[in-house]
Structure formats: C-alpha cells, structure tokens
PDB file of N, CA and C in Angstrom:
ATOM      1  N   GLN A   1      38.866 -33.639  -3.770  1.00  0.00           N
ATOM      2  CA  GLN A   1      39.258 -34.660  -3.599  1.00  0.00           C
ATOM      3  C   GLN A   1      38.023 -35.846  -4.373  1.00  0.00           C
ATOM      4  N   ASP A   2      38.639 -36.782  -5.063  1.00  0.00           N
ATOM      5  CA  ASP A   2      37.503 -37.923  -5.775  1.00  0.00           C
ATOM      6  C   ASP A   2      37.015 -38.703  -4.969  1.00  0.00           C
ATOM      7  N   GLU A   3      36.127 -39.336  -5.561  1.00  0.00           N
ATOM      8  CA  GLU A   3      34.960 -40.045  -4.857  1.00  0.00           C
ATOM      9  C   GLU A   3      35.528 -41.368  -4.141  1.00  0.00           C
ATOM     10  N   SER A   4      36.312 -41.808  -5.314  1.00  0.00           N
ATOM     11  CA  SER A   4      36.984 -43.077  -4.883  1.00  0.00           C
ATOM     12  C   SER A   4      37.866 -43.116  -3.516  1.00  0.00           C
ATOM     13  N   THR A   5      38.362 -42.200  -3.370  1.00  0.00           N
ATOM     14  CA  THR A   5      39.415 -41.950  -1.993  1.00  0.00           C
ATOM     15  C   THR A   5      38.673 -41.358  -0.901  1.00  0.00           C
ATOM     16  N   SER A   6      37.487 -40.917  -1.166  1.00  0.00           N
ATOM     17  CA  SER A   6      36.750 -39.985   0.065  1.00  0.00           C
ATOM     18  C   SER A   6      36.264 -41.010   0.876  1.00  0.00           C
ATOM     19  N   VAL A   7      36.298 -40.952   2.241  1.00  0.00           N
ATOM     20  CA  VAL A   7      35.730 -41.392   3.256  1.00  0.00           C
ATOM     21  C   VAL A   7      34.019 -41.110   3.119  1.00  0.00           C
ATOM     22  N   VAL A   8      34.067 -39.652   3.226  1.00  0.00           N
ATOM     23  CA  VAL A   8      32.668 -39.110   3.468  1.00  0.00           C
ATOM     24  C   VAL A   8      33.004 -38.219   1.890  1.00  0.00           C
ATOM     25  N   PHE A   9      32.107 -38.558   0.807  1.00  0.00           N
ATOM     26  CA  PHE A   9      31.803 -37.771  -0.284  1.00  0.00           C
ATOM     27  C   PHE A   9      31.142 -36.350  -0.397  1.00  0.00           C
ATOM     28  N   GLY A  10      30.552 -36.055   0.992  1.00  0.00           N
ATOM     29  CA  GLY A  10      29.716 -35.152   0.783  1.00  0.00           C
ATOM     30  C   GLY A  10      30.018 -33.716   0.635  1.00  0.00           C
ATOM     31  N   MET A  11      31.144 -33.189   1.199  1.00  0.00           N
ATOM     32  CA  MET A  11      31.549 -31.745   1.082  1.00  0.00           C
ATOM     33  C   MET A  11      32.099 -31.693  -0.445  1.00  0.00           C
ATOM     34  N   PRO A  12      33.037 -32.808  -0.830  1.00  0.00           N
ATOM     35  CA  PRO A  12      33.763 -32.586  -2.393  1.00  0.00           C
ATOM     36  C   PRO A  12      32.554 -32.753  -3.368  1.00  0.00           C
ATOM     37  N   LYS A  13      31.646 -33.588  -3.013  1.00  0.00           N
ATOM     38  CA  LYS A  13      30.587 -33.568  -4.266  1.00  0.00           C
ATOM     39  C   LYS A  13      29.749 -32.307  -4.430  1.00  0.00           C
ATOM     40  N   VAL A  14      29.583 -31.664  -3.243  1.00  0.00           N
ATOM     41  CA  VAL A  14      28.591 -30.194  -3.285  1.00  0.00           C
ATOM     42  C   VAL A  14      29.385 -29.436  -4.105  1.00  0.00           C
ATOM     43  N   ALA A  15      30.751 -29.403  -3.806  1.00  0.00           N
ATOM     44  CA  ALA A  15      31.932 -28.392  -4.630  1.00  0.00           C
ATOM     45  C   ALA A  15      31.676 -28.746  -5.942  1.00  0.00           C
ATOM     46  N   ILE A  16      31.983 -29.989  -6.101  1.00  0.00           N
ATOM     47  CA  ILE A  16      31.770 -30.401  -7.605  1.00  0.00           C
ATOM     48  C   ILE A  16      30.760 -30.078  -8.563  1.00  0.00           C
ATOM     49  N   GLU A  17      29.206 -30.427  -8.099  1.00  0.00           N
ATOM     50  CA  GLU A  17      28.022 -29.918  -8.357  1.00  0.00           C
ATOM     51  C   GLU A  17      28.072 -28.438  -8.441  1.00  0.00           C
ATOM     52  N   LEU A  18      28.337 -27.494  -7.891  1.00  0.00           N
ATOM     53  CA  LEU A  18      28.386 -26.119  -7.759  1.00  0.00           C
ATOM     54  C   LEU A  18      29.196 -25.643  -8.704  1.00  0.00           C
ATOM     55  N   GLY A  19      30.190 -26.421  -9.087  1.00  0.00           N
ATOM     56  CA  GLY A  19      31.118 -26.199 -10.404  1.00  0.00           C
ATOM     57  C   GLY A  19      32.332 -25.064  -9.485  1.00  0.00           C
ATOM     58  N   ALA A  20      32.412 -25.318  -8.351  1.00  0.00           N
ATOM     59  CA  ALA A  20      33.445 -24.773  -7.420  1.00  0.00           C
ATOM     60  C   ALA A  20      34.824 -25.331  -7.632  1.00  0.00           C
ATOM     61  N   ALA A  21      34.896 -26.795  -7.819  1.00  0.00           N
ATOM     62  CA  ALA A  21      35.994 -27.520  -7.881  1.00  0.00           C
ATOM     63  C   ALA A  21      36.836 -27.195  -9.184  1.00  0.00           C
ATOM     64  N   GLN A  22      38.049 -26.924  -9.173  1.00  0.00           N
ATOM     65  CA  GLN A  22      39.021 -26.687 -10.375  1.00  0.00           C
ATOM     66  C   GLN A  22      39.358 -28.122 -10.778  1.00  0.00           C
ATOM     67  N   LYS A  23      39.914 -28.643  -9.798  1.00  0.00           N
ATOM     68  CA  LYS A  23      40.290 -30.164 -10.062  1.00  0.00           C
ATOM     69  C   LYS A  23      39.857 -31.028  -9.111  1.00  0.00           C
ATOM     70  N   ILE A  24      39.651 -32.476  -9.677  1.00  0.00           N
ATOM     71  CA  ILE A  24      39.190 -33.208  -8.834  1.00  0.00           C
ATOM     72  C   ILE A  24      40.206 -34.424  -8.642  1.00  0.00           C
ATOM     73  N   LEU A  25      41.008 -34.759  -7.724  1.00  0.00           N
ATOM     74  CA  LEU A  25      41.880 -35.591  -7.775  1.00  0.00           C
ATOM     75  C   LEU A  25      41.870 -36.739  -6.751  1.00  0.00           C
ATOM     76  N   PRO A  26      42.701 -37.786  -6.693  1.00  0.00           N
ATOM     77  CA  PRO A  26      42.898 -38.614  -5.703  1.00  0.00           C
ATOM     78  C   PRO A  26      43.774 -38.431  -4.612  1.00  0.00           C
ATOM     79  N   LEU A  27      43.193 -38.452  -3.313  1.00  0.00           N
ATOM     80  CA  LEU A  27      43.825 -38.117  -2.089  1.00  0.00           C
ATOM     81  C   LEU A  27      45.572 -37.996  -2.208  1.00  0.00           C
ATOM     82  N   GLY A  28      46.105 -39.043  -2.674  1.00  0.00           N
ATOM     83  CA  GLY A  28      47.164 -39.067  -2.687  1.00  0.00           C
ATOM     84  C   GLY A  28      47.826 -38.078  -3.572  1.00  0.00           C
ATOM     85  N   ASN A  29      47.198 -37.356  -4.712  1.00  0.00           N
ATOM     86  CA  ASN A  29      47.671 -36.464  -5.366  1.00  0.00           C
ATOM     87  C   ASN A  29      47.625 -35.185  -5.116  1.00  0.00           C
ATOM     88  N   ILE A  30      46.839 -35.011  -4.122  1.00  0.00           N
ATOM     89  CA  ILE A  30      46.493 -33.532  -3.838  1.00  0.00           C
ATOM     90  C   ILE A  30      47.585 -32.834  -3.411  1.00  0.00           C
ATOM     91  N   SER A  31      48.274 -33.238  -2.860  1.00  0.00           N
ATOM     92  CA  SER A  31      49.734 -32.481  -2.183  1.00  0.00           C
ATOM     93  C   SER A  31      50.801 -32.217  -3.189  1.00  0.00           C
ATOM     94  N   GLN A  32      51.096 -33.189  -4.123  1.00  0.00           N
ATOM     95  CA  GLN A  32      51.777 -32.980  -5.144  1.00  0.00           C
ATOM     96  C   GLN A  32      51.203 -31.942  -5.963  1.00  0.00           C
ATOM     97  N   PHE A  33      50.126 -31.772  -6.346  1.00  0.00           N
ATOM     98  CA  PHE A  33      49.421 -30.910  -7.177  1.00  0.00           C
ATOM     99  C   PHE A  33      49.524 -29.344  -6.509  1.00  0.00           C
ATOM    100  N   VAL A  34      49.463 -29.452  -5.129  1.00  0.00           N
ATOM    101  CA  VAL A  34      49.524 -28.202  -4.247  1.00  0.00           C
ATOM    102  C   VAL A  34      50.813 -27.840  -4.675  1.00  0.00           C
ATOM    103  N   VAL A  35      51.765 -28.447  -4.572  1.00  0.00           N
ATOM    104  CA  VAL A  35      53.340 -28.008  -4.523  1.00  0.00           C
ATOM    105  C   VAL A  35      53.817 -27.398  -5.909  1.00  0.00           C
ATOM    106  N   ALA A  36      53.241 -28.300  -6.998  1.00  0.00           N
ATOM    107  CA  ALA A  36      53.478 -27.994  -8.363  1.00  0.00           C
ATOM    108  C   ALA A  36      52.932 -26.615  -8.677  1.00  0.00           C
ATOM    109  N   TYR A  37      51.655 -26.274  -8.340  1.00  0.00           N
ATOM    110  CA  TYR A  37      51.101 -25.059  -8.363  1.00  0.00           C
ATOM    111  C   TYR A  37      51.806 -23.916  -7.981  1.00  0.00           C
ATOM    112  N   CYS A  38      52.332 -24.102  -6.654  1.00  0.00           N
ATOM    113  CA  CYS A  38      52.700 -23.334  -6.124  1.00  0.00           C
ATOM    114  C   CYS A  38      54.005 -22.906  -6.494  1.00  0.00           C
ATOM    115  N   ARG A  39      54.872 -23.624  -7.546  1.00  0.00           N
ATOM    116  CA  ARG A  39      56.321 -23.605  -7.850  1.00  0.00           C
ATOM    117  C   ARG A  39      56.068 -22.547  -9.183  1.00  0.00           C
ATOM    118  N   ASN A  40      54.912 -23.040  -9.644  1.00  0.00           N
ATOM    119  CA  ASN A  40      54.540 -22.160 -11.064  1.00  0.00           C
ATOM    120  C   ASN A  40      54.132 -21.015 -10.628  1.00  0.00           C
TER     121      ASN A  40
END
C-alpha cells in the first residue's frame, strides 16, 4: 500500500525499504491488481 492511502505507513514502509514489496499501489487499486494477477 502506498503512503498516501495508509493510515499508518509503518509496515508497508519497512517492506518497501527492505525491497520486499513488488508493487506499491493505492489502497483502492490493490484488489484490482490481485484479481488481474490471479487471472494471468
């Protein structure tokens, strides 16, 4: 989840800093991304 849509950015920030995040998306786009990913 991106910083602009996070209430508390702690956990997403650490994942990003560690290089563990493959995508950084606004909250409203995450479900669409997961569905599209699963279909491919």
